[in-house]
Amino acid sequence: MAKRDYYEILGITRGASADEIKRAYRNKAKSLHPDLNPDCKVSESEFKEVNEAYDCLKDPQRKAAYDRFGHAAFDGGGFGGGRAPQGDFGAAFADVFEDLFGEFVGARAGGRPRATRGQDLRYDLRVSLEEAYRGIEKTITVPGAVACSSCNGTGAEGAAEPTPCPTCSGMGKVRASQGFFTVERTCPTCSGNGQIVKNPCKSCAGAGRVAQDRSLSVVIPAGVESGTRIRLAGEGEAGVRGGPAGDLYIFVEVREHPIFIRDGRTLACQVPVGMATAALGGEVEVPTIDGGRSRVKVPAGSQTGRQMRLRGKGMPPLRHGAGLNGDPGDMVIELVVETPVNLTTRQKELLREFEAIAADNHPQTASFFSKIKNFWEGLGA
């Protein structure tokens, strides 16, 4: 199978500068890195392609040869005596790892590693439709880790500074050559921290963090919908070795309501009406989400499914903008004509009398059976 063009692999043009080539390589390599795509053979293959392309295009001489001869420049007898792109995998890995995690495997030898940011946390919060309508402030309890007060987050007894790991010299990673590639792995001695604690803190066992539940007050804005995400910066888990805390993400779920059905800012409510009210017309009283009541006129001759609209009785918008104004939505009333049950003898007599003289009062029935008659006649013809 023909090899793909190196410029196409990196998503750049042939006139791209060295900085543009490097930037395109980093973006591609980060998204395809094996750590982010475990057990994905496609990503692994594309990651190797990206490294091969960058290995060629970052070298001015090899890039010039490729621009002139293409892949033939590196086939037997071509530029460089047939040397195929070797791919500085170790250097490439370092660039990608640094961009992904904000540091290249800790500090340099003998130096102090950078602190590690704490993990982000997720909290699922369920609210009622009434709470989503008016907004509410809720107190939640979040399990997580906070910095140990005994060692000030250092993990060492008496808040002493940890020492660089002798195995990785403070790098947090160890390298090993495996034929064509140089592979980096987490240091087994310090577990990637780059430091070791000689006298671990008794309170946190050298972790620098302790498990602790926290109570937080969360403001749920009016108009919130299921799936809304609220970010509380710095309220996640504490960082390692004094690093910054992660963030807390509140995912809101609005519970189903026994009366109202929500569709964005619109609320729908099915209201049953008696057969006599639907036929003669009248009024029904319906509830509104704000706790009030509204009287709705039922036109004479109403059928099941007929809708009326109450302006401004729906949900408020979560925020202005994105094509939304600041007005609340509407409430849609849908009538459901109820057939009477448990009839008395007298009620049955009255309905039979009505049925006998109601031939012209059921236009839909007459239309339906007319269509059936035409259908049968068409089959006979």
Protein backbone atom coordinates (compact mmCIF):
# COMPACT_ATOMS: atom_id res chain seq x y z
CA MET A 1 0.00 0.00 0.00
CA ALA A 2 1.36 3.45 -0.95
CA LYS A 3 2.63 5.53 1.94
CA ARG A 4 0.68 8.65 2.85
CA ASP A 5 2.14 12.07 2.19
CA TYR A 6 3.96 13.42 5.27
CA TYR A 7 2.32 16.84 4.95
CA GLU A 8 -1.09 15.21 4.70
CA ILE A 9 -0.38 13.16 7.83
CA LEU A 10 0.41 16.31 9.83
CA GLY A 11 -2.40 18.31 8.21
CA ILE A 12 -0.16 21.12 6.91
CA THR A 13 0.84 22.61 3.57
CA ARG A 14 4.25 22.22 1.91
CA GLY A 15 5.11 25.83 2.68
CA ALA A 16 4.70 25.37 6.43
CA SER A 17 7.40 26.85 8.65
CA ALA A 18 9.40 24.86 11.21
CA ASP A 19 7.21 26.23 14.01
CA GLU A 20 4.04 25.27 12.15
CA ILE A 21 5.39 21.77 11.55
CA LYS A 22 6.26 21.35 15.22
CA ARG A 23 2.92 22.74 16.37
CA ALA A 24 0.98 20.47 14.00
CA TYR A 25 3.03 17.47 15.16
CA ARG A 26 2.36 18.16 18.83
CA ASN A 27 -1.39 18.55 18.28
CA LYS A 28 -1.58 15.31 16.31
CA ALA A 29 0.66 13.36 18.67
CA LYS A 30 -1.26 14.49 21.75
CA SER A 31 -4.60 13.33 20.37
CA LEU A 32 -3.20 9.99 19.17
CA HIS A 33 -0.91 9.23 22.11
CA PRO A 34 -1.21 5.61 23.37
CA ASP A 35 -1.82 6.81 26.94
CA LEU A 36 -5.01 8.52 25.77
CA ASN A 37 -6.03 5.72 23.37
CA PRO A 38 -5.24 2.44 25.14
CA ASP A 39 -5.65 -0.76 23.11
CA CYS A 40 -6.54 1.21 19.95
CA LYS A 41 -4.57 -0.25 17.05
CA VAL A 42 -5.68 2.50 14.64
CA SER A 43 -4.44 5.29 16.92
CA GLU A 44 -1.20 3.40 17.53
CA SER A 45 -0.57 3.09 13.77
CA GLU A 46 -1.39 6.75 13.12
CA PHE A 47 0.82 7.79 16.05
CA LYS A 48 3.77 6.02 14.42
CA GLU A 49 2.97 7.71 11.10
CA VAL A 50 2.94 11.12 12.76
CA ASN A 51 6.32 10.49 14.42
CA GLU A 52 7.81 9.30 11.13
CA ALA A 53 6.52 12.35 9.27
CA TYR A 54 7.83 14.76 11.88
CA ASP A 55 11.20 13.02 12.05
CA CYS A 56 11.64 13.73 8.35
CA LEU A 57 10.19 17.24 8.09
CA LYS A 58 11.95 18.67 11.15
CA ASP A 59 15.34 18.05 9.48
CA PRO A 60 15.96 20.79 6.84
CA GLN A 61 18.10 18.55 4.60
CA ARG A 62 15.75 15.60 4.71
CA LYS A 63 12.75 17.89 4.25
CA ALA A 64 14.34 19.38 1.13
CA ALA A 65 14.97 15.91 -0.26
CA TYR A 66 11.41 14.83 0.51
CA ASP A 67 9.98 17.98 -1.11
CA ARG A 68 11.91 17.13 -4.29
CA PHE A 69 11.72 13.35 -4.51
CA GLY A 70 8.94 12.37 -2.07
CA HIS A 71 9.23 8.97 -0.37
CA ALA A 72 11.62 7.83 -3.10
CA ALA A 73 14.28 10.01 -1.48
CA PHE A 74 14.60 7.45 1.32
CA ASP A 75 14.24 4.25 -0.69
CA GLY A 76 17.31 2.33 -1.80
CA GLY A 77 19.81 4.59 -3.60
CA GLY A 78 17.94 7.75 -2.70
CA PHE A 79 18.90 10.55 -0.38
CA GLY A 80 20.76 9.40 2.70
CA GLY A 81 21.82 6.04 1.23
CA GLY A 82 18.44 4.44 1.74
CA ARG A 83 18.13 5.39 5.44
CA ALA A 84 14.53 5.19 6.45
CA PRO A 85 13.22 7.77 8.92
CA GLN A 86 14.25 6.54 12.33
CA GLY A 87 11.92 8.65 14.44
CA ASP A 88 13.37 10.16 17.62
CA PHE A 89 10.68 8.49 19.67
CA GLY A 90 12.18 9.46 23.02
CA ALA A 91 12.31 13.15 22.12
CA ALA A 92 8.88 13.00 20.55
CA PHE A 93 7.47 11.30 23.62
CA ALA A 94 9.01 13.98 25.82
CA ASP A 95 7.39 16.79 23.81
CA VAL A 96 4.00 15.14 23.88
CA PHE A 97 4.19 14.20 27.55
CA GLU A 98 5.19 17.72 28.49
CA ASP A 99 2.24 19.21 26.62
CA LEU A 100 -0.19 16.67 28.03
CA PHE A 101 0.72 16.89 31.67
CA GLY A 102 2.35 20.30 31.99
CA GLU A 103 5.81 18.95 32.83
CA PHE A 104 8.28 16.45 31.41
CA VAL A 105 8.35 13.68 33.98
CA GLY A 106 9.08 15.96 36.91
CA ALA A 107 12.13 18.09 37.46
CA ARG A 108 15.52 17.61 35.94
CA ALA A 109 18.11 15.58 37.78
CA GLY A 110 18.71 16.86 41.27
CA GLY A 111 16.01 19.51 40.95
CA ARG A 112 12.68 19.89 42.62
CA PRO A 113 9.75 18.33 40.68
CA ARG A 114 6.74 20.44 40.01
CA ALA A 115 3.73 19.80 42.19
CA THR A 116 0.91 17.74 40.67
CA ARG A 117 -2.57 19.16 40.27
CA GLY A 118 -5.34 17.36 42.12
CA GLN A 119 -7.99 15.37 40.30
CA ASP A 120 -11.28 16.88 39.17
CA LEU A 121 -14.38 15.54 40.90
CA ARG A 122 -17.93 14.96 39.68
CA TYR A 123 -21.07 15.29 41.77
CA ASP A 124 -24.53 14.33 40.46
CA LEU A 125 -27.23 16.56 41.92
CA ARG A 126 -30.95 15.92 41.49
CA VAL A 127 -33.44 18.77 41.86
CA SER A 128 -37.20 19.03 41.50
CA LEU A 129 -38.87 20.91 38.66
CA GLU A 130 -40.07 23.52 41.16
CA GLU A 131 -36.47 24.06 42.34
CA ALA A 132 -35.31 24.34 38.73
CA TYR A 133 -38.05 26.93 38.13
CA ARG A 134 -37.14 29.30 40.94
CA GLY A 135 -33.47 28.44 41.50
CA ILE A 136 -32.13 27.25 44.82
CA GLU A 137 -29.05 27.13 46.99
CA LYS A 138 -28.19 23.61 48.14
CA THR A 139 -25.61 22.28 50.57
CA ILE A 140 -23.85 19.16 49.33
CA THR A 141 -21.33 16.83 50.96
CA VAL A 142 -18.39 15.99 48.70
CA PRO A 143 -16.01 13.11 49.50
CA GLY A 144 -12.44 13.75 48.49
CA ALA A 145 -8.89 14.46 49.62
CA VAL A 146 -7.53 17.60 51.25
CA ALA A 147 -3.97 18.64 52.04
CA CYS A 148 -2.66 17.11 55.26
CA SER A 149 -2.44 19.77 57.94
CA SER A 150 0.26 17.91 59.89
CA CYS A 151 2.85 18.03 57.10
CA ASN A 152 1.43 20.94 55.05
CA GLY A 153 0.99 18.58 52.12
CA THR A 154 4.67 17.55 51.87
CA GLY A 155 4.08 13.99 53.09
CA ALA A 156 7.13 14.19 55.37
CA GLU A 157 7.16 14.26 59.13
CA GLY A 158 7.59 17.80 60.48
CA ALA A 159 6.87 19.24 57.00
CA ALA A 160 10.42 18.33 55.89
CA GLU A 161 11.19 18.57 52.19
CA PRO A 162 11.18 15.26 50.26
CA THR A 163 14.45 14.22 48.58
CA PRO A 164 14.95 13.47 44.86
CA CYS A 165 14.41 9.83 43.94
CA PRO A 166 17.79 8.07 43.44
CA THR A 167 16.40 5.73 40.76
CA CYS A 168 15.14 8.40 38.33
CA SER A 169 17.15 11.36 39.70
CA GLY A 170 13.95 13.29 40.27
CA MET A 171 12.61 12.73 36.76
CA GLY A 172 9.69 10.54 37.80
CA LYS A 173 10.31 8.39 34.72
CA VAL A 174 12.89 5.84 33.64
CA ARG A 175 13.88 5.15 30.04
CA ALA A 176 14.57 1.81 28.44
CA SER A 177 15.64 1.05 24.87
CA GLN A 178 13.60 -1.57 23.08
CA GLY A 179 15.17 -2.00 19.68
CA PHE A 180 13.88 0.72 17.42
CA PHE A 181 12.16 2.71 20.18
CA THR A 182 13.07 4.36 23.47
CA VAL A 183 10.26 3.76 25.93
CA GLU A 184 9.62 5.75 29.09
CA ARG A 185 7.87 4.27 32.07
CA THR A 186 6.82 5.50 35.48
CA CYS A 187 9.62 5.16 37.99
CA PRO A 188 8.87 2.11 40.20
CA THR A 189 10.65 3.59 43.20
CA CYS A 190 8.81 6.91 43.52
CA SER A 191 5.69 6.00 41.47
CA GLY A 192 6.30 8.97 39.20
CA ASN A 193 6.55 11.62 41.93
CA GLY A 194 10.26 12.22 41.40
CA GLN A 195 10.70 12.40 45.16
CA ILE A 196 10.81 10.04 48.09
CA VAL A 197 9.89 10.73 51.68
CA LYS A 198 12.38 9.36 54.19
CA ASN A 199 10.23 10.00 57.25
CA PRO A 200 6.59 9.71 56.16
CA CYS A 201 4.01 11.78 57.99
CA LYS A 202 2.05 9.62 60.41
CA SER A 203 -1.22 11.41 59.69
CA CYS A 204 -1.23 10.85 55.93
CA ALA A 205 1.29 7.96 55.62
CA GLY A 206 3.44 10.11 53.34
CA ALA A 207 0.71 10.84 50.80
CA GLY A 208 0.47 14.53 51.67
CA ARG A 209 -3.31 14.22 51.53
CA VAL A 210 -6.02 12.81 53.76
CA ALA A 211 -9.57 11.71 52.96
CA GLN A 212 -12.13 14.16 54.22
CA ASP A 213 -15.74 14.98 53.38
CA ARG A 214 -16.53 18.62 52.78
CA SER A 215 -19.80 20.55 52.85
CA LEU A 216 -20.22 23.04 50.03
CA SER A 217 -22.97 25.49 49.18
CA VAL A 218 -24.01 25.33 45.52
CA VAL A 219 -26.23 27.91 43.82
CA ILE A 220 -28.53 26.28 41.25
CA PRO A 221 -29.73 29.01 38.85
CA ALA A 222 -33.36 29.34 37.79
CA GLY A 223 -34.11 27.62 34.48
CA VAL A 224 -31.52 24.87 34.93
CA GLU A 225 -32.07 21.74 32.80
CA SER A 226 -30.95 18.13 33.05
CA GLY A 227 -27.37 17.87 31.82
CA THR A 228 -26.39 21.36 32.96
CA ARG A 229 -22.82 21.39 34.28
CA ILE A 230 -21.68 23.79 37.00
CA ARG A 231 -17.93 24.17 37.60
CA LEU A 232 -16.54 25.07 41.01
CA ALA A 233 -12.89 25.95 40.48
CA GLY A 234 -10.45 24.64 43.09
CA GLU A 235 -13.05 22.51 44.89
CA GLY A 236 -11.75 19.17 43.63
CA GLU A 237 -9.15 16.95 45.25
CA ALA A 238 -6.08 18.54 46.80
CA GLY A 239 -2.90 18.49 44.72
CA VAL A 240 0.07 16.26 45.45
CA ARG A 241 3.06 17.83 47.18
CA GLY A 242 1.35 21.18 47.55
CA GLY A 243 0.01 21.27 43.98
CA PRO A 244 -3.19 23.16 43.11
CA ALA A 245 -6.53 21.53 43.78
CA GLY A 246 -8.65 20.20 40.95
CA ASP A 247 -12.13 21.41 40.08
CA LEU A 248 -15.54 20.13 41.11
CA TYR A 249 -18.16 19.65 38.40
CA ILE A 250 -21.82 19.56 39.42
CA PHE A 251 -24.01 17.68 36.92
CA VAL A 252 -27.66 18.60 37.41
CA GLU A 253 -30.57 16.25 36.78
CA VAL A 254 -34.13 17.59 36.99
CA ARG A 255 -36.56 14.94 38.27
CA GLU A 256 -39.72 14.10 36.34
CA HIS A 257 -42.83 15.89 37.56
CA PRO A 258 -46.18 14.16 38.20
CA ILE A 259 -48.15 16.95 36.47
CA PHE A 260 -45.91 18.89 34.09
CA ILE A 261 -43.85 17.70 31.13
CA ARG A 262 -40.95 19.97 30.23
CA ASP A 263 -39.57 20.76 26.78
CA GLY A 264 -36.97 23.51 27.14
CA ARG A 265 -38.83 26.56 28.40
CA THR A 266 -42.24 25.11 27.53
CA LEU A 267 -44.32 23.19 30.06
CA ALA A 268 -47.11 20.86 28.99
CA CYS A 269 -50.00 19.65 31.14
CA GLN A 270 -52.68 17.14 30.17
CA VAL A 271 -56.04 18.05 31.69
CA PRO A 272 -58.99 15.60 31.67
CA VAL A 273 -62.43 17.06 30.97
CA GLY A 274 -65.83 15.40 31.13
CA MET A 275 -67.69 14.50 27.97
CA ALA A 276 -70.45 17.04 28.74
CA THR A 277 -67.97 19.89 29.33
CA ALA A 278 -66.10 19.05 26.12
CA ALA A 279 -69.39 19.03 24.17
CA LEU A 280 -71.07 22.07 25.73
CA GLY A 281 -68.00 24.12 26.62
CA GLY A 282 -67.04 25.37 30.05
CA GLU A 283 -64.03 26.10 32.25
CA VAL A 284 -61.37 24.04 33.98
CA GLU A 285 -58.92 25.08 36.68
CA VAL A 286 -55.30 24.14 36.09
CA PRO A 287 -52.18 24.50 38.32
CA THR A 288 -49.11 26.50 37.28
CA ILE A 289 -45.47 25.79 38.14
CA ASP A 290 -45.25 28.92 40.33
CA GLY A 291 -47.86 27.42 42.66
CA GLY A 292 -50.77 29.47 41.29
CA ARG A 293 -53.99 28.53 39.52
CA SER A 294 -55.45 29.55 36.17
CA ARG A 295 -58.94 29.09 34.75
CA VAL A 296 -59.00 27.97 31.15
CA LYS A 297 -62.05 28.16 28.87
CA VAL A 298 -62.93 24.94 27.08
CA PRO A 299 -64.56 25.67 23.71
CA ALA A 300 -67.73 23.75 22.88
CA GLY A 301 -67.11 20.68 20.77
CA SER A 302 -63.53 20.20 22.00
CA GLN A 303 -61.87 16.89 21.18
CA THR A 304 -59.03 15.01 22.88
CA GLY A 305 -55.71 16.62 21.94
CA ARG A 306 -57.01 20.17 21.66
CA GLN A 307 -54.43 22.59 23.04
CA MET A 308 -54.60 25.99 24.71
CA ARG A 309 -51.61 28.14 25.61
CA LEU A 310 -50.95 30.16 28.75
CA ARG A 311 -48.38 32.83 27.90
CA GLY A 312 -45.46 33.26 30.29
CA LYS A 313 -46.41 30.33 32.54
CA GLY A 314 -43.50 28.11 31.50
CA MET A 315 -39.86 27.91 32.64
CA PRO A 316 -37.47 30.86 32.77
CA PRO A 317 -34.40 30.79 30.46
CA LEU A 318 -31.19 29.62 32.06
CA ARG A 319 -29.27 32.54 30.63
CA HIS A 320 -29.76 35.31 28.12
CA GLY A 321 -28.07 35.15 24.76
CA ALA A 322 -27.82 32.31 22.24
CA GLY A 323 -31.04 33.57 20.67
CA LEU A 324 -32.99 33.50 23.95
CA ASN A 325 -34.67 36.53 25.46
CA GLY A 326 -35.27 36.97 29.15
CA ASP A 327 -38.95 36.03 29.04
CA PRO A 328 -40.24 32.75 30.48
CA GLY A 329 -41.74 30.13 28.21
CA ASP A 330 -45.40 29.18 27.85
CA MET A 331 -47.56 26.49 29.37
CA VAL A 332 -49.52 24.30 26.96
CA ILE A 333 -52.80 22.77 28.14
CA GLU A 334 -53.82 19.61 26.28
CA LEU A 335 -57.38 18.38 26.77
CA VAL A 336 -58.17 14.71 27.28
CA VAL A 337 -61.88 14.01 26.91
CA GLU A 338 -62.84 11.39 29.48
CA THR A 339 -65.47 8.76 28.74
CA PRO A 340 -67.77 8.30 31.78
CA VAL A 341 -67.63 4.98 33.63
CA ASN A 342 -69.75 3.22 36.27
CA LEU A 343 -72.98 4.52 34.71
CA THR A 344 -76.30 4.18 36.53
CA THR A 345 -79.35 2.77 34.84
CA ARG A 346 -80.80 6.25 34.30
CA GLN A 347 -77.51 7.53 32.83
CA LYS A 348 -77.44 4.65 30.39
CA GLU A 349 -81.02 5.40 29.32
CA LEU A 350 -80.17 9.05 28.71
CA LEU A 351 -77.09 8.17 26.65
CA ARG A 352 -79.07 5.71 24.54
CA GLU A 353 -81.72 8.39 23.92
CA PHE A 354 -79.00 10.83 22.94
CA GLU A 355 -77.33 8.28 20.66
CA ALA A 356 -80.61 7.69 18.86
CA ILE A 357 -80.98 11.36 17.92
CA ALA A 358 -77.27 12.26 17.50
CA ALA A 359 -76.69 11.14 13.93
CA ASP A 360 -75.49 14.60 12.89
CA ASN A 361 -73.36 15.26 15.97
CA HIS A 362 -70.41 13.01 15.09
CA PRO A 363 -68.82 14.35 11.88
CA GLN A 364 -65.54 12.50 12.38
CA THR A 365 -67.36 9.19 12.79
CA ALA A 366 -69.43 9.82 9.68
CA SER A 367 -66.32 10.76 7.68
CA PHE A 368 -64.42 7.68 8.83
CA PHE A 369 -67.15 5.21 7.89
CA SER A 370 -67.62 6.95 4.56
CA LYS A 371 -63.95 6.31 3.81
CA ILE A 372 -64.37 2.66 4.82
CA LYS A 373 -67.35 2.30 2.49
CA ASN A 374 -65.38 3.75 -0.42
CA PHE A 375 -62.46 1.44 0.41
CA TRP A 376 -64.62 -1.68 0.32
CA GLU A 377 -66.35 -0.60 -2.88
CA GLY A 378 -62.95 -0.04 -4.46
CA LEU A 379 -61.89 -3.56 -3.57
CA GLY A 380 -65.08 -4.99 -5.04
CA ALA A 381 -64.55 -3.12 -8.31
